Amino acid sequence: MIGHTSVYGVRIDDETRCAHYHSTFDRIAIQFYCCRRFYACFDCHKHMCDHSHQVWPQDKFDYHAVLCGSCGKKMSIHEYLHSDFLCPHCHVSFNPGCRFHYPLYFEWTTN
């Protein structure tokens, strides 16, 4: 649990790192659109759930579905996507490599 938010995953630590992603900068959890539960990563959701994931539609990007594992503050998807890989609340660095996984979580277009 980070702050008052339950985060699910495989071997998660105090900053939401999991068995799949555990570098110093891996410190966010994402609330999945399909079940509204926070998971440390896509693989944790896949491992722990009996349903297929659904991505957040673009018209819901104002929803606070991203959790900073360092300070425990939630941010909107829009805030996260435009954060320059820094928490807007505590200014810790996020993993810039996560941008390659955006299509797993968010409705994504490349234009």
N, C-alpha and C. Protein backbone atom coordinates (compact mmCIF):
# COMPACT_ATOMS: atom_id res chain seq x y z
N MET A 1 0.85 -1.18 0.00
CA MET A 1 0.00 0.00 0.00
C MET A 1 0.90 1.24 0.00
N ILE A 2 0.62 2.16 -0.90
CA ILE A 2 1.34 3.42 -0.99
C ILE A 2 0.37 4.50 -0.54
N GLY A 3 0.68 5.14 0.59
CA GLY A 3 -0.27 6.10 1.15
C GLY A 3 -1.53 5.33 1.53
N HIS A 4 -2.65 5.72 0.98
CA HIS A 4 -3.92 5.03 1.23
C HIS A 4 -4.37 4.23 0.02
N THR A 5 -3.46 4.00 -0.92
CA THR A 5 -3.82 3.32 -2.16
C THR A 5 -3.20 1.93 -2.20
N SER A 6 -4.03 0.93 -2.43
CA SER A 6 -3.52 -0.44 -2.57
C SER A 6 -2.95 -0.60 -3.97
N VAL A 7 -1.74 -1.15 -4.02
CA VAL A 7 -1.08 -1.44 -5.30
C VAL A 7 -0.81 -2.93 -5.33
N TYR A 8 -1.19 -3.55 -6.44
CA TYR A 8 -1.04 -4.99 -6.59
C TYR A 8 0.12 -5.28 -7.53
N GLY A 9 0.76 -6.41 -7.30
CA GLY A 9 1.87 -6.80 -8.15
C GLY A 9 2.63 -7.96 -7.58
N VAL A 10 3.61 -8.39 -8.35
CA VAL A 10 4.46 -9.51 -7.96
C VAL A 10 5.70 -8.95 -7.28
N ARG A 11 5.82 -9.23 -6.00
CA ARG A 11 6.96 -8.80 -5.17
C ARG A 11 7.19 -7.28 -5.27
N ILE A 12 6.17 -6.48 -4.97
CA ILE A 12 6.33 -5.03 -5.04
C ILE A 12 7.00 -4.50 -3.78
N ASP A 13 7.76 -3.43 -3.95
CA ASP A 13 8.44 -2.81 -2.81
C ASP A 13 7.70 -1.54 -2.40
N ASP A 14 8.31 -0.76 -1.52
CA ASP A 14 7.69 0.45 -0.98
C ASP A 14 7.45 1.55 -2.01
N GLU A 15 8.11 1.47 -3.18
CA GLU A 15 7.93 2.49 -4.21
C GLU A 15 7.30 1.92 -5.49
N THR A 16 6.61 0.83 -5.37
CA THR A 16 5.86 0.15 -6.44
C THR A 16 6.73 -0.57 -7.47
N ARG A 17 8.00 -0.77 -7.18
CA ARG A 17 8.81 -1.60 -8.08
C ARG A 17 8.33 -3.03 -7.92
N CYS A 18 8.46 -3.81 -8.99
CA CYS A 18 7.96 -5.18 -8.94
C CYS A 18 9.02 -6.15 -9.47
N ALA A 19 8.66 -7.41 -9.54
CA ALA A 19 9.57 -8.43 -10.05
C ALA A 19 9.94 -8.19 -11.50
N HIS A 20 9.08 -7.50 -12.24
CA HIS A 20 9.32 -7.28 -13.67
C HIS A 20 10.11 -6.01 -13.96
N TYR A 21 9.84 -4.96 -13.20
CA TYR A 21 10.49 -3.66 -13.42
C TYR A 21 10.95 -3.14 -12.05
N HIS A 22 12.25 -3.09 -11.87
CA HIS A 22 12.77 -2.76 -10.54
C HIS A 22 14.04 -1.89 -10.57
N SER A 23 14.16 -1.05 -11.59
CA SER A 23 15.29 -0.12 -11.58
C SER A 23 15.00 1.00 -10.58
N THR A 24 15.97 1.81 -10.31
CA THR A 24 15.81 2.94 -9.40
C THR A 24 14.66 3.84 -9.82
N PHE A 25 14.43 3.98 -11.12
CA PHE A 25 13.43 4.92 -11.65
C PHE A 25 12.04 4.32 -11.82
N ASP A 26 11.90 3.01 -11.60
CA ASP A 26 10.59 2.36 -11.75
C ASP A 26 9.80 2.58 -10.47
N ARG A 27 9.01 3.66 -10.47
CA ARG A 27 8.30 4.01 -9.24
C ARG A 27 6.92 4.57 -9.50
N ILE A 28 6.23 4.02 -10.48
CA ILE A 28 4.83 4.40 -10.65
C ILE A 28 3.97 3.14 -10.68
N ALA A 29 2.71 3.32 -10.37
CA ALA A 29 1.71 2.27 -10.55
C ALA A 29 0.59 2.88 -11.37
N ILE A 30 -0.08 2.06 -12.14
CA ILE A 30 -1.15 2.54 -13.00
C ILE A 30 -2.45 1.83 -12.65
N GLN A 31 -3.48 2.61 -12.52
CA GLN A 31 -4.80 2.04 -12.30
C GLN A 31 -5.33 1.56 -13.65
N PHE A 32 -5.65 0.30 -13.73
CA PHE A 32 -6.10 -0.26 -15.00
C PHE A 32 -7.56 0.09 -15.24
N TYR A 33 -7.84 0.46 -16.47
CA TYR A 33 -9.18 0.88 -16.87
C TYR A 33 -10.20 -0.24 -16.66
N CYS A 34 -9.79 -1.47 -16.92
CA CYS A 34 -10.71 -2.61 -16.88
C CYS A 34 -11.21 -2.92 -15.48
N CYS A 35 -10.38 -2.81 -14.49
CA CYS A 35 -10.76 -3.24 -13.14
C CYS A 35 -10.60 -2.15 -12.08
N ARG A 36 -10.07 -1.01 -12.47
CA ARG A 36 -9.88 0.15 -11.58
C ARG A 36 -8.99 -0.16 -10.37
N ARG A 37 -8.11 -1.13 -10.53
CA ARG A 37 -7.13 -1.45 -9.48
C ARG A 37 -5.75 -1.01 -9.95
N PHE A 38 -4.95 -0.54 -9.01
CA PHE A 38 -3.58 -0.14 -9.33
C PHE A 38 -2.68 -1.37 -9.35
N TYR A 39 -1.90 -1.47 -10.42
CA TYR A 39 -0.90 -2.52 -10.55
C TYR A 39 0.45 -1.89 -10.84
N ALA A 40 1.50 -2.58 -10.41
CA ALA A 40 2.85 -2.07 -10.62
C ALA A 40 3.20 -2.05 -12.11
N CYS A 41 2.67 -2.99 -12.88
CA CYS A 41 2.97 -3.02 -14.32
C CYS A 41 1.97 -3.90 -15.05
N PHE A 42 2.06 -3.87 -16.35
CA PHE A 42 1.21 -4.67 -17.23
C PHE A 42 1.38 -6.16 -16.94
N ASP A 43 2.63 -6.60 -16.75
CA ASP A 43 2.89 -8.02 -16.50
C ASP A 43 2.30 -8.47 -15.16
N CYS A 44 2.35 -7.61 -14.16
CA CYS A 44 1.72 -7.95 -12.87
C CYS A 44 0.22 -8.13 -13.05
N HIS A 45 -0.42 -7.22 -13.79
CA HIS A 45 -1.86 -7.35 -14.06
C HIS A 45 -2.14 -8.66 -14.77
N LYS A 46 -1.36 -8.95 -15.78
CA LYS A 46 -1.56 -10.18 -16.56
C LYS A 46 -1.40 -11.42 -15.68
N HIS A 47 -0.43 -11.39 -14.80
CA HIS A 47 -0.14 -12.52 -13.92
C HIS A 47 -1.22 -12.72 -12.85
N MET A 48 -1.81 -11.63 -12.37
CA MET A 48 -2.69 -11.71 -11.22
C MET A 48 -4.18 -11.68 -11.55
N CYS A 49 -4.55 -11.34 -12.79
CA CYS A 49 -5.97 -11.17 -13.13
C CYS A 49 -6.47 -12.27 -14.05
N ASP A 50 -7.76 -12.48 -13.99
CA ASP A 50 -8.39 -13.49 -14.85
C ASP A 50 -9.16 -12.84 -15.99
N HIS A 51 -8.82 -11.60 -16.31
CA HIS A 51 -9.49 -10.89 -17.40
C HIS A 51 -8.45 -10.17 -18.26
N SER A 52 -8.85 -9.83 -19.45
CA SER A 52 -7.97 -9.08 -20.36
C SER A 52 -7.92 -7.62 -19.92
N HIS A 53 -6.81 -6.99 -20.19
CA HIS A 53 -6.69 -5.58 -19.83
C HIS A 53 -7.39 -4.72 -20.88
N GLN A 54 -7.72 -3.52 -20.48
CA GLN A 54 -8.27 -2.52 -21.39
C GLN A 54 -7.44 -1.25 -21.20
N VAL A 55 -7.17 -0.54 -22.28
CA VAL A 55 -6.41 0.70 -22.20
C VAL A 55 -7.34 1.87 -21.87
N TRP A 56 -6.79 2.90 -21.27
CA TRP A 56 -7.55 4.11 -20.98
C TRP A 56 -7.84 4.85 -22.28
N PRO A 57 -9.11 5.14 -22.56
CA PRO A 57 -9.44 5.92 -23.76
C PRO A 57 -8.97 7.37 -23.60
N GLN A 58 -8.61 8.00 -24.70
CA GLN A 58 -8.08 9.36 -24.66
C GLN A 58 -9.03 10.34 -24.00
N ASP A 59 -10.32 10.12 -24.12
CA ASP A 59 -11.26 11.07 -23.50
C ASP A 59 -11.34 10.92 -21.98
N LYS A 60 -10.57 10.00 -21.41
CA LYS A 60 -10.52 9.80 -19.95
C LYS A 60 -9.14 10.16 -19.38
N PHE A 61 -8.31 10.82 -20.16
CA PHE A 61 -6.95 11.13 -19.70
C PHE A 61 -6.91 12.14 -18.56
N ASP A 62 -8.04 12.72 -18.19
CA ASP A 62 -8.08 13.60 -17.02
C ASP A 62 -8.27 12.81 -15.72
N TYR A 63 -8.47 11.51 -15.83
CA TYR A 63 -8.66 10.65 -14.68
C TYR A 63 -7.33 10.46 -13.94
N HIS A 64 -7.36 10.50 -12.64
CA HIS A 64 -6.15 10.34 -11.82
C HIS A 64 -5.84 8.85 -11.65
N ALA A 65 -5.14 8.30 -12.63
CA ALA A 65 -4.90 6.86 -12.72
C ALA A 65 -3.43 6.48 -12.62
N VAL A 66 -2.56 7.44 -12.31
CA VAL A 66 -1.14 7.14 -12.18
C VAL A 66 -0.71 7.55 -10.77
N LEU A 67 -0.01 6.66 -10.11
CA LEU A 67 0.41 6.87 -8.73
C LEU A 67 1.93 6.95 -8.65
N CYS A 68 2.45 7.99 -8.04
CA CYS A 68 3.89 8.08 -7.78
C CYS A 68 4.21 7.18 -6.59
N GLY A 69 5.09 6.24 -6.78
CA GLY A 69 5.47 5.33 -5.72
C GLY A 69 6.34 5.96 -4.67
N SER A 70 6.86 7.14 -4.94
CA SER A 70 7.71 7.82 -3.97
C SER A 70 6.89 8.64 -2.97
N CYS A 71 6.01 9.51 -3.47
CA CYS A 71 5.25 10.38 -2.57
C CYS A 71 3.81 9.90 -2.34
N GLY A 72 3.33 8.96 -3.16
CA GLY A 72 1.99 8.43 -3.00
C GLY A 72 0.89 9.29 -3.59
N LYS A 73 1.25 10.36 -4.30
CA LYS A 73 0.25 11.24 -4.91
C LYS A 73 -0.21 10.65 -6.24
N LYS A 74 -1.48 10.84 -6.52
CA LYS A 74 -2.04 10.43 -7.81
C LYS A 74 -2.00 11.61 -8.76
N MET A 75 -1.82 11.29 -10.03
CA MET A 75 -1.83 12.32 -11.06
C MET A 75 -2.71 11.84 -12.21
N SER A 76 -3.20 12.79 -12.96
CA SER A 76 -4.00 12.41 -14.12
C SER A 76 -3.08 11.79 -15.17
N ILE A 77 -3.68 11.04 -16.05
CA ILE A 77 -2.90 10.45 -17.14
C ILE A 77 -2.27 11.56 -17.96
N HIS A 78 -3.02 12.61 -18.21
CA HIS A 78 -2.49 13.75 -18.96
C HIS A 78 -1.27 14.34 -18.25
N GLU A 79 -1.37 14.56 -16.95
CA GLU A 79 -0.22 15.08 -16.17
C GLU A 79 0.99 14.18 -16.32
N TYR A 80 0.76 12.88 -16.17
CA TYR A 80 1.86 11.92 -16.26
C TYR A 80 2.51 11.96 -17.65
N LEU A 81 1.69 11.94 -18.68
CA LEU A 81 2.23 11.91 -20.05
C LEU A 81 3.00 13.17 -20.40
N HIS A 82 2.75 14.26 -19.70
CA HIS A 82 3.44 15.53 -19.95
C HIS A 82 4.36 15.93 -18.81
N SER A 83 4.79 14.97 -18.02
CA SER A 83 5.58 15.26 -16.81
C SER A 83 7.08 15.38 -17.05
N ASP A 84 7.54 15.09 -18.25
CA ASP A 84 8.98 15.05 -18.53
C ASP A 84 9.69 14.09 -17.58
N PHE A 85 8.98 13.02 -17.22
CA PHE A 85 9.50 11.93 -16.40
C PHE A 85 9.92 12.37 -14.99
N LEU A 86 9.20 13.38 -14.48
CA LEU A 86 9.38 13.83 -13.09
C LEU A 86 8.02 13.91 -12.43
N CYS A 87 7.94 13.49 -11.18
CA CYS A 87 6.68 13.62 -10.46
C CYS A 87 6.37 15.10 -10.29
N PRO A 88 5.17 15.54 -10.64
CA PRO A 88 4.82 16.96 -10.49
C PRO A 88 4.67 17.37 -9.02
N HIS A 89 4.63 16.40 -8.11
CA HIS A 89 4.46 16.69 -6.69
C HIS A 89 5.79 16.68 -5.92
N CYS A 90 6.57 15.60 -6.07
CA CYS A 90 7.81 15.47 -5.29
C CYS A 90 9.07 15.56 -6.14
N HIS A 91 8.91 15.61 -7.46
CA HIS A 91 10.00 15.84 -8.41
C HIS A 91 11.02 14.71 -8.51
N VAL A 92 10.67 13.50 -8.07
CA VAL A 92 11.56 12.37 -8.30
C VAL A 92 11.46 11.97 -9.77
N SER A 93 12.49 11.31 -10.25
CA SER A 93 12.53 10.89 -11.65
C SER A 93 11.76 9.60 -11.87
N PHE A 94 11.04 9.56 -12.99
CA PHE A 94 10.38 8.34 -13.46
C PHE A 94 11.24 7.74 -14.57
N ASN A 95 10.98 6.50 -14.88
CA ASN A 95 11.73 5.80 -15.92
C ASN A 95 11.30 6.30 -17.30
N PRO A 96 12.20 6.97 -18.04
CA PRO A 96 11.84 7.45 -19.38
C PRO A 96 11.55 6.30 -20.35
N GLY A 97 12.04 5.11 -20.06
CA GLY A 97 11.76 3.96 -20.91
C GLY A 97 10.31 3.52 -20.88
N CYS A 98 9.57 3.98 -19.89
CA CYS A 98 8.14 3.64 -19.80
C CYS A 98 7.36 4.14 -21.00
N ARG A 99 7.85 5.16 -21.66
CA ARG A 99 7.13 5.71 -22.82
C ARG A 99 6.94 4.65 -23.91
N PHE A 100 7.82 3.67 -23.95
CA PHE A 100 7.69 2.62 -24.95
C PHE A 100 6.51 1.69 -24.65
N HIS A 101 6.01 1.75 -23.43
CA HIS A 101 4.90 0.89 -23.00
C HIS A 101 3.56 1.62 -22.95
N TYR A 102 3.53 2.89 -23.28
CA TYR A 102 2.27 3.64 -23.21
C TYR A 102 1.11 2.94 -23.91
N PRO A 103 1.32 2.34 -25.10
CA PRO A 103 0.19 1.69 -25.78
C PRO A 103 -0.41 0.51 -24.99
N LEU A 104 0.32 -0.02 -24.01
CA LEU A 104 -0.23 -1.09 -23.18
C LEU A 104 -1.26 -0.57 -22.17
N TYR A 105 -1.17 0.73 -21.87
CA TYR A 105 -2.00 1.33 -20.82
C TYR A 105 -2.98 2.38 -21.33
N PHE A 106 -2.57 3.09 -22.38
CA PHE A 106 -3.33 4.26 -22.83
C PHE A 106 -3.63 4.16 -24.31
N GLU A 107 -4.81 4.62 -24.71
CA GLU A 107 -5.14 4.69 -26.14
C GLU A 107 -4.10 5.62 -26.75
N TRP A 108 -3.40 5.14 -27.74
CA TRP A 108 -2.22 5.85 -28.21
C TRP A 108 -2.20 5.98 -29.70
N THR A 109 -1.91 7.17 -30.17
CA THR A 109 -1.69 7.38 -31.60
C THR A 109 -0.30 7.99 -31.76
N THR A 110 0.32 7.73 -32.87
CA THR A 110 1.69 8.18 -33.07
C THR A 110 1.80 9.45 -33.88
N ASN A 111 0.68 10.10 -34.21
CA ASN A 111 0.78 11.34 -34.99
C ASN A 111 0.96 12.53 -34.12
